Amino acid sequence: MQFVLTPLALALLALPTLCQDLAVRAERLITMAGPPIADGVVWIEGGKIKAVGAAGDVTLPASLPVLRAKVATPGLVDAHTVVGLAGWLNQDHDQDQLDRSSPLQPELRAIDAYNPREPLVEWLRSFGVTTIHTGHSPGAVIAGQTMIAKTAGDTVAEAVVVERAMVAAALNEDAVGGDGKPGTRSKAAAILRAKLLEAANYAQKRADDEATPRDLALEVLADVLAGELPLLITAQRARDIETALRIAEEFGFRLVLDGCAEAYLLLEELKAANVPIIVHPTMVRAYDETENLSLETPKLLLEAGLLVALQSGYESYVPKTRVVLFEAAMAAAHGLAFERALGLVTIDAARVLGVDERVGSLEVGKDGDVALYDGDPFESTTHCVGTVIEGVRVSAIVR
């Protein structure tokens, strides 16, 4: 596949790479904090948004570089991926998303495996994705921790937004059978309960006696029980979703549901529990435990009043990831208005992840993360012609 640089892309590349004071001017500026603005401007200073509004209402310094686009949106937020742990080569040395040595490993930290130079990170940002929630994949009862990162930076320290975001667990078919995993669903639920009980006892012992030896795994789950970290449970079948809700009620931890292919069968239960949901990629293949998926699930969950986001998820084949821009476009084609669908990968995703004070919308004081397009972002012929992260132009290549 050849890459072509348009005049806009060439102009973007001509700008200083480390410029952190710039403006984006778009024929249609979608802020996700109010109605779209015709001929709108976002002024970024020191990596943060200084002003947003109609071009006629924002006076920019004469020397300020201005990037132009047909449409500009907040930088996209991928609510759940394994990019950075899973690499594009699909070889053992770049597949750190799942350790198969034990079904319970909450102590595994995503930041210890994340590769900010992974080509898939660059590939995602070329579509306007600026923030990712990434970490260990849902292939074990507790696979490890997750993190939130920007899709820029050469080191983990430069990329990371939240070192410990959630603890990734699973009550799905990938978490049972083989590789030392529990053999049945009830066994998976039982060992999860047992580990949570062990963590509760550990926390009490530590509170009573600081000399109690540290246990890294139990420390993490004690933080879950204390409400400091959410437990992200992947469950696709209705019965597995019910089990996740049941365990969360028993132990009182903050639950975030992931996947939820059959969530439309439990709308009343989910509404009563009021848990955030990161829905599977809209276009994920419908087989095995996702065989009953519906392309209208995001619409139905939103209509039920739930907080919902979309994800790229985990793919076992090259190129190893989906792109949330396309997943949101498909959701828009199945019942959602444009801005509701875009919200699934911008402000709503940021809210699910708890980082909406920084990203997800174009508002004064937030990070200067902007995606630039040469047309409607959901049209198949549209290109992302530029990506800005905290005021730095990081992508300007057109496919």
Foldseek 3Di string as FASTA:
>chain_A
DDFDFDPLLVVQVPDDQPFQWAKEWECWEDFLPDHIAGRKMFTGDQQFTADIHHPVVDDDPPPHHYRYFHYKFFQWEFLEAAPQQAAQVLDPVRNRQADLQELADALDWFLVRGFLPGVVLVVQVQLRHFKYWHGHAAQGQWGYFIFMFTSDDRHSVNTGDGRGQATEGELEPSHADDSHHHPDSVVSLVVVLVLLVVLVVVVVVCVVPVVPDDDSRSVSSVCQLVQNHEYEYEDAAPVSVVSQLVVCVVSVGQYEYEAHQPVLVPLVVCLVSQHEYAHEQLPPDQDDSNVNGDSQVVVSNVVSVHLYAYHQHFDSHPSGTDHLLQSLLSNCVVDDPNSSSSQNGAQSSCVNSVNNQATRGRDGGHGPWMWHWNDDSSDPPIGGQWIATSSRTDYGITD
